[in-house]
Amino acid sequence: MSMTAMGIGSGLDVNSLVSQLVDAERAPQQKRLDLREAETQAKISAFGTIKGILDELESPLKKLANFNPSYSATVANPQTLSVTTGRFVNAGNYSIEVTQLAQSQTVATAAFDEFQQGNVGTGTLTLTVGDRDPIDLEIKAGSNSIGDVRDAINNARAGVTASLFNTGDGMRLVLTADEGGDTIELTSTGTGALGDNRFDLDGTGNAVGTGGVTQVGLQAQATINGIAVTSTTNTLNDAVRGLNIELLQTGTTNVRVSTNNEEIPDLLGEFVEKYNELVENLKTLTDFNTDTNEAAVLTGDSTARGIRGALGNALMTLGNTQDGNELSLATLGIVSNRDGTLGFNRSQFDDAFNNSFFDSKSFTNKSYPGFGADNVTAAVSDIADNLLGAVTRYTDTFDGVIALRNKGLNNTLKSIDSDRERLDQRMFAYQERTRQQFLVMDTLIAQMSATSQALDSLQLLNNNMNQRRR
C-alpha cells in the first residue's frame, strides 16, 4: 500500500509521522557526522595555512643556506689599473704602485726576397722560449716556403706567435713571445737559408738591435701594500686572492674592496617576519579560550606542537665560522621575545658583520665585537641550513609531516562519506519498517472500526425490535 493510501482507517497523517520519526532517528547520528566533518575540514584548512607560511619561510632560508656575499672593488685612479672580484675575496684596502708594464719580446729575421720566400731550403729549426725545453722543427722539401716556416712555429705552440711582415723590401719572419720577459732563441741547420744563419735569432741578450731583437721583453712589476709582485702579463690574478687586477699604465692608486652587507640582513629580516607570522598563527590555531571554555581547531595537536619545538631547537643551534669557531643567532642580534616571536637588532648584526677582530671565542654576553663578513656569513648559512631541514621535514610534498597528516585527514573525510551512505541505507530501512508498522496499525484500526459499526447496527436493530414488541 502506498503512503498516500495510508491513514484511511486511523485518520492520522501517517506520512508526516513517519517523516518525523525518521528525522528524529537520523538527527543525532547526522549531527555527529557533520561535526566530525567540520572539524576535519577545519584541520585541513589550518594545516594549509601553516604549510603556506612554512613554504614562505623556506625562501629566505634557502637563500641564507647558500649565501655568498657579493663584493665590489673601487679604484681611485682607474687609468692605472682595473679590478674585478672573484671567488674567495676578502674586503680590504690596498695601495698599489705599478712600476713597469709587461711587454713581449719580439725578434725578426732579415728580409727575404720574393725568390727566397718560396724555398728556404731544408733542415731543422731549433726554437727555445724562456726556460722551456728546446723544440726541433723539421722543414722538408715541398713544405719549405717562408709561410710554411711560420706555420710550423705556430703549430708547435712553443710560447711564441710567428708572423710575416712585408717591409717593402721583402718579407720578414717576426716572432713575438706570448709572455712578457720571455726571451726567444732560434737556430737553424740545413741547406739554403736554413744553412746560412738567416734564421738564427738570439734574443737572450734582450737588447734592441742585437740578435734580431726589435722589442725588449719585460715583466710587469708592482708593489701591493709594500710587497713586490711580478707577472709575465699585465694581469695579476694571483697576487691578491680573489682579485683580478689588470695593469693599464705605471702609477699609484688605492683599491677598496667592500662587501654588499644589505642582502644577508634583509634575508634575516624576512626570515624573522615569516617566523613571527608562523608563531602568531600557531598561537591562534592552538589557543584555548578560558572565558568561553572553547578550544581552537588545533588545541593539543601534536603536529602543531612539533613544529614549534623543531624550529625552536633549530634556532638554538650554533653555526660554524670560517675560523673554526661558533656563533649563535643571539650573538648576531636575533633574540626570542617572551611571546615566542623573534626580534632583530640590526645595528648589533652590522657591528658583527662589518668589523673583524681577534678570536670569536672571546665573545662575552656583555660585549658585541665584530666577527667579520666571512665568519658571519658562514655561521648564518650553517644555522639556516639546520632551520631549513627542520622546515622541509614538515613541508615536503611527498613524505612531509603535514602531507602525511593531510592524507590521514582526507581518509577521514572518505570514511565520513562512507558513514553517510550507510546512514542513508539504515534510515531507508527504518522508514520502510515504520511505514509497515503504520500500515498494520491502520489495517487493524479499519477492521476495528468496521466491527464497531456492525455492532452499532445490531444494537440499533435490537432496540427497534424491542420497541415494536411493546
Protein backbone atom coordinates (compact mmCIF):
# COMPACT_ATOMS: atom_id res chain seq x y z
CA MET A 1 0.00 0.00 0.00
CA SER A 2 1.38 3.44 -0.90
CA MET A 3 1.90 6.23 1.58
CA THR A 4 -0.96 8.22 0.01
CA ALA A 5 -3.35 5.36 0.79
CA MET A 6 -2.36 5.16 4.43
CA GLY A 7 -4.34 6.76 7.24
CA ILE A 8 -7.74 5.77 5.86
CA GLY A 9 -8.52 3.58 8.79
CA SER A 10 -6.94 5.69 11.51
CA GLY A 11 -7.40 9.15 10.09
CA LEU A 12 -3.81 10.03 11.07
CA ASP A 13 -1.26 11.95 8.88
CA VAL A 14 0.91 8.87 8.53
CA ASN A 15 3.34 10.44 6.04
CA SER A 16 4.17 13.23 8.44
CA LEU A 17 4.50 10.86 11.39
CA VAL A 18 6.90 8.56 9.52
CA SER A 19 8.97 11.52 8.30
CA GLN A 20 9.24 12.94 11.82
CA LEU A 21 10.26 9.60 13.28
CA VAL A 22 12.95 9.11 10.60
CA ASP A 23 14.26 12.66 11.14
CA ALA A 24 14.40 12.13 14.88
CA GLU A 25 16.27 8.86 14.42
CA ARG A 26 18.70 10.43 11.91
CA ALA A 27 19.39 13.73 13.72
CA PRO A 28 21.92 12.65 16.42
CA GLN A 29 23.90 10.47 14.03
CA GLN A 30 23.80 13.16 11.31
CA LYS A 31 24.96 15.75 13.82
CA ARG A 32 27.92 13.63 14.86
CA LEU A 33 28.96 13.15 11.22
CA ASP A 34 28.51 16.85 10.41
CA LEU A 35 30.56 17.85 13.45
CA ARG A 36 33.28 15.36 12.62
CA GLU A 37 33.40 16.55 9.01
CA ALA A 38 33.52 20.21 10.03
CA GLU A 39 36.36 19.53 12.47
CA THR A 40 38.30 17.58 9.84
CA GLN A 41 37.83 20.28 7.21
CA ALA A 42 38.89 22.92 9.73
CA LYS A 43 42.09 20.98 10.47
CA ILE A 44 42.86 20.60 6.76
CA SER A 45 42.38 24.35 6.34
CA ALA A 46 44.54 25.08 9.40
CA PHE A 47 47.37 22.87 8.16
CA GLY A 48 47.05 24.52 4.75
CA THR A 49 47.61 27.89 6.41
CA ILE A 50 50.61 26.60 8.37
CA LYS A 51 52.17 24.95 5.33
CA GLY A 52 51.72 28.14 3.30
CA ILE A 53 53.67 30.13 5.90
CA LEU A 54 56.32 27.41 6.18
CA ASP A 55 56.70 27.44 2.38
CA GLU A 56 57.26 31.20 2.53
CA LEU A 57 59.74 30.66 5.37
CA GLU A 58 61.73 28.30 3.14
CA SER A 59 62.55 31.07 0.63
CA PRO A 60 64.86 33.21 2.83
CA LEU A 61 66.27 30.09 4.49
CA LYS A 62 67.31 28.57 1.15
CA LYS A 63 68.99 31.83 0.14
CA LEU A 64 70.74 32.11 3.51
CA ALA A 65 71.86 28.47 3.48
CA ASN A 66 73.52 29.00 0.09
CA PHE A 67 74.51 32.63 0.61
CA ASN A 68 77.67 34.01 -0.93
CA PRO A 69 78.26 37.71 -0.27
CA SER A 70 78.87 39.89 -3.28
CA TYR A 71 81.96 42.08 -3.34
CA SER A 72 82.85 45.14 -5.36
CA ALA A 73 86.16 46.91 -5.94
CA THR A 74 86.60 50.67 -6.25
CA VAL A 75 89.78 52.00 -7.88
CA ALA A 76 90.79 55.56 -7.00
CA ASN A 77 92.71 56.02 -10.28
CA PRO A 78 91.06 53.81 -12.93
CA GLN A 79 93.61 54.92 -15.56
CA THR A 80 96.31 52.99 -13.72
CA LEU A 81 94.54 49.68 -13.33
CA SER A 82 91.15 47.96 -13.24
CA VAL A 83 89.99 45.40 -10.68
CA THR A 84 87.28 42.74 -10.67
CA THR A 85 86.39 40.49 -7.77
CA GLY A 86 86.28 36.71 -7.94
CA ARG A 87 85.76 33.87 -5.51
CA PHE A 88 87.35 33.81 -2.04
CA VAL A 89 87.89 37.56 -2.00
CA ASN A 90 88.05 39.45 1.29
CA ALA A 91 87.08 43.01 1.98
CA GLY A 92 90.03 45.33 2.47
CA ASN A 93 92.07 48.31 1.26
CA TYR A 94 95.11 48.05 -0.99
CA SER A 95 97.74 50.56 -2.10
CA ILE A 96 99.11 49.52 -5.49
CA GLU A 97 102.06 51.04 -7.32
CA VAL A 98 102.68 49.93 -10.92
CA THR A 99 106.35 50.47 -11.76
CA GLN A 100 106.55 48.55 -15.04
CA LEU A 101 104.11 47.05 -17.52
CA ALA A 102 104.69 43.64 -19.08
CA GLN A 103 105.96 43.69 -22.65
CA SER A 104 106.53 40.78 -25.02
CA GLN A 105 109.96 40.37 -26.63
CA THR A 106 109.90 40.49 -30.44
CA VAL A 107 112.66 39.22 -32.74
CA ALA A 108 112.74 39.38 -36.55
CA THR A 109 114.80 37.93 -39.37
CA ALA A 110 116.26 39.95 -42.20
CA ALA A 111 114.03 40.38 -45.26
CA PHE A 112 113.66 37.51 -47.74
CA ASP A 113 113.30 38.48 -51.41
CA GLU A 114 110.49 37.04 -53.50
CA PHE A 115 112.61 34.15 -54.82
CA GLN A 116 113.81 33.18 -51.33
CA GLN A 117 110.31 33.25 -49.86
CA GLY A 118 109.21 30.21 -51.86
CA ASN A 119 112.15 27.95 -50.95
CA VAL A 120 114.16 28.47 -47.79
CA GLY A 121 115.91 25.11 -48.07
CA THR A 122 115.52 22.04 -45.89
CA GLY A 123 116.76 21.23 -42.44
CA THR A 124 115.96 21.77 -38.78
CA LEU A 125 114.91 24.83 -36.77
CA THR A 126 115.54 24.70 -33.02
CA LEU A 127 113.30 27.06 -31.00
CA THR A 128 113.82 27.91 -27.34
CA VAL A 129 111.44 30.24 -25.47
CA GLY A 130 112.26 31.38 -21.94
CA ASP A 131 113.13 28.46 -19.70
CA ARG A 132 111.14 25.95 -21.76
CA ASP A 133 112.84 22.96 -23.37
CA PRO A 134 114.07 23.46 -26.94
CA ILE A 135 111.80 22.26 -29.76
CA ASP A 136 113.10 20.94 -33.09
CA LEU A 137 111.05 21.72 -36.19
CA GLU A 138 111.73 19.72 -39.38
CA ILE A 139 111.43 21.72 -42.63
CA LYS A 140 111.09 19.35 -45.58
CA ALA A 141 111.09 19.77 -49.34
CA GLY A 142 107.68 20.69 -50.75
CA SER A 143 106.71 22.41 -47.49
CA ASN A 144 109.58 24.82 -47.14
CA SER A 145 108.30 28.28 -48.00
CA ILE A 146 108.63 31.15 -45.55
CA GLY A 147 104.92 30.70 -44.89
CA ASP A 148 105.47 27.02 -44.09
CA VAL A 149 108.12 28.01 -41.55
CA ARG A 150 105.68 30.42 -39.92
CA ASP A 151 103.00 27.73 -39.72
CA ALA A 152 105.43 25.16 -38.31
CA ILE A 153 106.39 27.54 -35.48
CA ASN A 154 102.77 28.39 -34.64
CA ASN A 155 101.68 24.76 -34.76
CA ALA A 156 104.42 23.89 -32.27
CA ARG A 157 102.67 26.04 -29.59
CA ALA A 158 106.05 26.82 -28.08
CA GLY A 159 105.08 30.10 -26.39
CA VAL A 160 105.58 32.42 -29.38
CA THR A 161 103.47 33.74 -32.23
CA ALA A 162 105.07 33.82 -35.70
CA SER A 163 104.00 36.40 -38.29
CA LEU A 164 105.16 37.61 -41.67
CA PHE A 165 105.78 41.34 -42.13
CA ASN A 166 106.10 42.83 -45.61
CA THR A 167 108.52 45.72 -45.15
CA GLY A 168 108.58 46.78 -48.79
CA ASP A 169 111.99 45.31 -49.46
CA GLY A 170 110.94 41.74 -48.72
CA MET A 171 109.21 39.51 -46.17
CA ARG A 172 110.48 39.25 -42.59
CA LEU A 173 109.66 36.41 -40.18
CA VAL A 174 108.69 38.01 -36.85
CA LEU A 175 108.43 36.07 -33.56
CA THR A 176 106.65 37.56 -30.50
CA ALA A 177 106.76 35.89 -27.09
CA ASP A 178 103.38 35.14 -25.51
CA GLU A 179 104.53 36.23 -22.07
CA GLY A 180 106.44 39.29 -21.01
CA GLY A 181 110.05 38.72 -20.01
CA ASP A 182 110.45 35.51 -22.01
CA THR A 183 113.42 35.51 -24.40
CA ILE A 184 113.45 33.87 -27.84
CA GLU A 185 116.30 31.91 -29.39
CA LEU A 186 116.11 30.36 -32.88
CA THR A 187 118.91 28.38 -34.58
CA SER A 188 118.93 26.51 -37.89
CA THR A 189 120.89 23.79 -39.69
CA GLY A 190 120.41 22.53 -43.23
CA THR A 191 120.53 23.79 -46.79
CA GLY A 192 119.72 27.16 -48.32
CA ALA A 193 118.60 29.82 -45.89
CA LEU A 194 118.37 27.16 -43.20
CA GLY A 195 122.09 26.62 -43.57
CA ASP A 196 123.43 30.20 -43.90
CA ASN A 197 122.28 31.57 -40.50
CA ARG A 198 119.50 33.81 -41.86
CA PHE A 199 117.04 32.14 -39.42
CA ASP A 200 119.39 32.40 -36.46
CA LEU A 201 117.93 34.79 -33.86
CA ASP A 202 119.36 35.31 -30.38
CA GLY A 203 117.17 37.28 -28.02
CA THR A 204 118.88 36.11 -24.86
CA GLY A 205 120.60 39.45 -24.53
CA ASN A 206 117.18 41.15 -24.66
CA ALA A 207 118.54 44.38 -26.08
CA VAL A 208 117.11 46.08 -29.15
CA GLY A 209 119.41 45.88 -32.17
CA THR A 210 121.26 42.76 -31.07
CA GLY A 211 120.41 39.26 -32.23
CA GLY A 212 117.41 40.45 -34.22
CA VAL A 213 115.59 41.88 -31.17
CA THR A 214 113.11 44.59 -32.21
CA GLN A 215 111.28 44.93 -28.88
CA VAL A 216 112.59 44.24 -25.39
CA GLY A 217 110.66 41.72 -23.27
CA LEU A 218 109.63 42.95 -19.82
CA GLN A 219 107.74 41.53 -16.85
CA ALA A 220 105.09 43.58 -15.08
CA GLN A 221 106.31 44.93 -11.77
CA ALA A 222 104.19 46.36 -8.96
CA THR A 223 104.02 46.65 -5.21
CA ILE A 224 100.82 45.90 -3.28
CA ASN A 225 100.80 47.30 0.24
CA GLY A 226 104.59 47.41 0.01
CA ILE A 227 105.01 43.82 -1.21
CA ALA A 228 106.70 43.44 -4.61
CA VAL A 229 104.98 41.27 -7.21
CA THR A 230 105.87 40.40 -10.80
CA SER A 231 103.95 38.93 -13.68
CA THR A 232 104.67 37.84 -17.25
CA THR A 233 101.41 39.58 -18.29
CA ASN A 234 99.66 42.76 -17.25
CA THR A 235 97.03 40.73 -15.42
CA LEU A 236 97.66 39.92 -11.76
CA ASN A 237 95.27 37.06 -10.95
CA ASP A 238 97.16 35.50 -8.05
CA ALA A 239 98.77 38.45 -6.34
CA VAL A 240 95.75 39.04 -4.05
CA ARG A 241 93.42 36.10 -3.58
CA GLY A 242 90.06 36.77 -5.17
CA LEU A 243 91.17 39.90 -7.07
CA ASN A 244 91.79 40.11 -10.81
CA ILE A 245 93.99 43.16 -11.40
CA GLU A 246 94.56 44.46 -14.92
CA LEU A 247 97.53 46.85 -15.16
CA LEU A 248 96.98 49.72 -17.60
CA GLN A 249 99.85 52.14 -17.01
CA THR A 250 102.52 52.96 -14.46
CA GLY A 251 101.41 54.94 -11.45
CA THR A 252 99.99 54.62 -7.94
CA THR A 253 96.39 54.15 -6.84
CA ASN A 254 94.29 52.83 -3.96
CA VAL A 255 91.79 49.98 -4.26
CA ARG A 256 88.94 49.41 -1.80
CA VAL A 257 87.18 46.03 -1.79
CA SER A 258 83.86 46.12 0.02
CA THR A 259 81.04 43.65 0.52
CA ASN A 260 77.37 44.24 -0.05
CA ASN A 261 76.12 43.76 3.50
CA GLU A 262 72.49 44.57 2.69
CA GLU A 263 71.35 41.26 1.26
CA ILE A 264 72.06 38.94 4.18
CA PRO A 265 70.45 41.12 6.91
CA ASP A 266 67.48 41.72 4.62
CA LEU A 267 67.10 37.95 4.25
CA LEU A 268 67.38 37.56 8.02
CA GLY A 269 64.73 40.25 8.45
CA GLU A 270 62.46 38.39 6.02
CA PHE A 271 63.04 35.17 7.94
CA VAL A 272 62.17 36.85 11.26
CA GLU A 273 58.99 38.32 9.75
CA LYS A 274 57.80 34.96 8.39
CA TYR A 275 58.78 33.15 11.59
CA ASN A 276 56.75 35.59 13.68
CA GLU A 277 53.79 35.16 11.33
CA LEU A 278 54.04 31.41 11.87
CA VAL A 279 54.21 31.78 15.65
CA GLU A 280 51.15 34.05 15.72
CA ASN A 281 49.11 31.72 13.51
CA LEU A 282 50.10 28.68 15.56
CA LYS A 283 49.06 30.51 18.72
CA THR A 284 45.64 31.33 17.23
CA LEU A 285 45.12 27.80 15.94
CA THR A 286 46.16 26.09 19.20
CA ASP A 287 44.78 28.54 21.78
CA PHE A 288 42.21 27.62 24.43
CA ASN A 289 39.73 30.32 25.44
CA THR A 290 39.30 30.03 29.21
CA ASP A 291 36.50 32.60 29.21
CA THR A 292 34.30 30.62 26.83
CA ASN A 293 35.90 27.27 27.66
CA GLU A 294 36.35 26.67 23.92
CA ALA A 295 39.33 25.07 22.19
CA ALA A 296 40.77 26.20 18.87
CA VAL A 297 40.90 23.83 15.91
CA LEU A 298 44.42 22.55 16.72
CA THR A 299 44.42 22.82 20.51
CA GLY A 300 46.52 19.97 21.84
CA ASP A 301 47.53 18.87 18.33
CA SER A 302 50.88 17.06 18.33
CA THR A 303 51.86 18.24 14.84
CA ALA A 304 51.40 21.89 15.74
CA ARG A 305 53.43 21.40 18.92
CA GLY A 306 56.09 19.56 16.94
CA ILE A 307 56.55 22.46 14.50
CA ARG A 308 57.16 24.95 17.29
CA GLY A 309 59.53 22.57 19.06
CA ALA A 310 61.54 21.66 15.94
CA LEU A 311 62.05 25.26 14.86
CA GLY A 312 62.80 26.37 18.40
CA ASN A 313 65.53 23.75 18.72
CA ALA A 314 66.99 24.68 15.33
CA LEU A 315 67.13 28.33 16.36
CA MET A 316 69.35 27.37 19.28
CA THR A 317 71.96 25.62 17.14
CA LEU A 318 75.38 27.21 16.67
CA GLY A 319 76.83 27.99 13.25
CA ASN A 320 80.42 27.22 12.34
CA THR A 321 82.58 30.17 11.26
CA GLN A 322 85.44 30.11 8.79
CA ASP A 323 87.97 30.48 11.57
CA GLY A 324 86.73 27.29 13.26
CA ASN A 325 84.63 28.89 15.99
CA GLU A 326 80.86 29.01 16.53
CA LEU A 327 78.27 31.77 16.57
CA SER A 328 74.61 31.85 17.65
CA LEU A 329 71.79 33.91 16.20
CA ALA A 330 71.60 35.75 19.53
CA THR A 331 75.21 36.84 19.02
CA LEU A 332 74.15 38.35 15.70
CA GLY A 333 71.16 40.24 17.11
CA ILE A 334 68.30 37.75 16.67
CA VAL A 335 66.70 37.04 20.06
CA SER A 336 63.49 35.39 21.26
CA ASN A 337 60.76 37.53 22.82
CA ARG A 338 58.54 36.42 25.70
CA ASP A 339 55.65 35.61 23.37
CA GLY A 340 57.83 33.28 21.28
CA THR A 341 58.36 35.72 18.41
CA LEU A 342 61.81 36.89 17.33
CA GLY A 343 63.40 40.33 17.47
CA PHE A 344 66.19 41.52 15.18
CA ASN A 345 68.75 44.06 16.39
CA ARG A 346 70.09 45.32 13.06
CA SER A 347 72.82 47.52 14.50
CA GLN A 348 74.20 44.59 16.51
CA PHE A 349 74.28 42.49 13.36
CA ASP A 350 76.03 45.26 11.40
CA ASP A 351 78.71 45.52 14.08
CA ALA A 352 79.31 41.78 13.96
CA PHE A 353 79.26 41.64 10.16
CA ASN A 354 81.31 44.68 9.23
CA ASN A 355 84.05 44.59 11.85
CA SER A 356 86.72 41.94 12.22
CA PHE A 357 88.63 41.34 15.42
CA PHE A 358 90.73 38.68 17.12
CA ASP A 359 89.21 35.32 18.09
CA SER A 360 85.44 34.96 18.28
CA LYS A 361 85.83 32.55 21.18
CA SER A 362 86.49 35.53 23.44
CA PHE A 363 82.96 36.83 22.90
CA THR A 364 81.02 37.60 26.09
CA ASN A 365 77.38 38.46 26.63
CA LYS A 366 78.30 41.99 27.67
CA SER A 367 80.12 42.94 24.51
CA TYR A 368 79.36 42.72 20.82
CA PRO A 369 82.60 42.78 18.87
CA GLY A 370 82.76 42.13 15.16
CA PHE A 371 83.46 38.77 13.65
CA GLY A 372 83.81 39.79 10.00
CA ALA A 373 81.66 39.19 6.95
CA ASP A 374 83.17 35.80 6.10
CA ASN A 375 82.70 34.35 9.59
CA VAL A 376 79.18 35.71 9.99
CA THR A 377 78.15 34.51 6.54
CA ALA A 378 79.46 31.00 7.22
CA ALA A 379 77.71 30.81 10.62
CA VAL A 380 74.38 32.16 9.29
CA SER A 381 74.48 29.73 6.36
CA ASP A 382 75.11 26.84 8.75
CA ILE A 383 72.24 27.80 11.06
CA ALA A 384 69.90 28.46 8.12
CA ASP A 385 70.69 25.02 6.73
CA ASN A 386 69.63 23.42 10.05
CA LEU A 387 66.44 25.50 10.11
CA LEU A 388 65.71 24.59 6.51
CA GLY A 389 66.00 20.91 7.37
CA ALA A 390 63.52 21.37 10.23
CA VAL A 391 61.06 23.18 7.94
CA THR A 392 61.25 20.79 4.99
CA ARG A 393 60.59 17.87 7.35
CA TYR A 394 57.08 19.29 7.60
CA THR A 395 56.64 20.79 4.13
CA ASP A 396 57.95 18.01 1.88
CA THR A 397 55.29 17.33 -0.73
CA PHE A 398 55.57 13.55 -0.60
CA ASP A 399 56.59 12.43 2.88
CA GLY A 400 56.47 15.63 4.92
CA VAL A 401 54.66 15.52 8.26
CA ILE A 402 51.90 17.87 7.07
CA ALA A 403 51.43 15.95 3.82
CA LEU A 404 51.05 12.70 5.74
CA ARG A 405 48.72 14.38 8.23
CA ASN A 406 46.53 15.73 5.42
CA LYS A 407 46.47 12.29 3.86
CA GLY A 408 45.06 10.92 7.11
CA LEU A 409 42.51 13.73 7.33
CA ASN A 410 41.36 13.16 3.77
CA ASN A 411 40.97 9.48 4.57
CA THR A 412 38.79 10.57 7.49
CA LEU A 413 36.60 12.56 5.08
CA LYS A 414 36.26 9.48 2.88
CA SER A 415 35.29 7.47 5.94
CA ILE A 416 32.65 10.08 6.82
CA ASP A 417 31.23 9.85 3.30
CA SER A 418 31.01 6.08 3.71
CA ASP A 419 29.30 6.55 7.10
CA ARG A 420 26.77 8.88 5.46
CA GLU A 421 25.96 6.29 2.82
CA ARG A 422 25.47 3.63 5.50
CA LEU A 423 23.30 6.04 7.50
CA ASP A 424 21.12 6.66 4.45
CA GLN A 425 20.73 2.93 3.98
CA ARG A 426 19.79 2.42 7.66
CA MET A 427 17.33 5.31 7.56
CA PHE A 428 15.71 3.94 4.41
CA ALA A 429 15.31 0.55 6.09
CA TYR A 430 13.98 2.22 9.25
CA GLN A 431 11.49 4.24 7.19
CA GLU A 432 10.22 1.10 5.46
CA ARG A 433 9.82 -0.73 8.79
CA THR A 434 7.99 2.21 10.33
CA ARG A 435 5.76 2.51 7.28
CA GLN A 436 4.85 -1.18 7.50
CA GLN A 437 4.07 -0.83 11.20
CA PHE A 438 1.75 2.06 10.48
CA LEU A 439 0.18 0.04 7.66
CA VAL A 440 -0.58 -2.82 10.06
CA MET A 441 -1.91 -0.38 12.63
CA ASP A 442 -4.09 1.35 10.08
CA THR A 443 -5.48 -2.01 8.87
CA LEU A 444 -6.31 -3.06 12.45
CA ILE A 445 -7.99 0.24 13.17
CA ALA A 446 -10.02 -0.09 9.97
CA GLN A 447 -11.08 -3.62 10.99
CA MET A 448 -11.98 -2.48 14.47
CA SER A 449 -13.94 0.41 13.04
CA ALA A 450 -15.90 -1.96 10.78
CA THR A 451 -16.64 -4.28 13.73
CA SER A 452 -17.77 -1.33 15.81
CA GLN A 453 -20.08 -0.16 13.07
CA ALA A 454 -21.55 -3.69 12.75
CA LEU A 455 -22.16 -3.87 16.49
CA ASP A 456 -23.76 -0.45 16.43
CA SER A 457 -26.11 -1.64 13.65
CA LEU A 458 -27.10 -4.78 15.61
CA GLN A 459 -27.72 -2.72 18.72
CA LEU A 460 -29.94 -0.35 16.76
CA LEU A 461 -31.87 -3.27 15.22
CA ASN A 462 -32.34 -4.85 18.65
CA ASN A 463 -33.66 -1.59 20.08
CA ASN A 464 -36.15 -1.26 17.23
CA MET A 465 -37.44 -4.81 17.76
CA ASN A 466 -37.95 -4.22 21.47
CA GLN A 467 -40.00 -1.09 20.81
CA ARG A 468 -42.32 -3.00 18.43
CA ARG A 469 -42.99 -5.67 21.00
CA ARG A 470 -44.32 -3.10 23.33
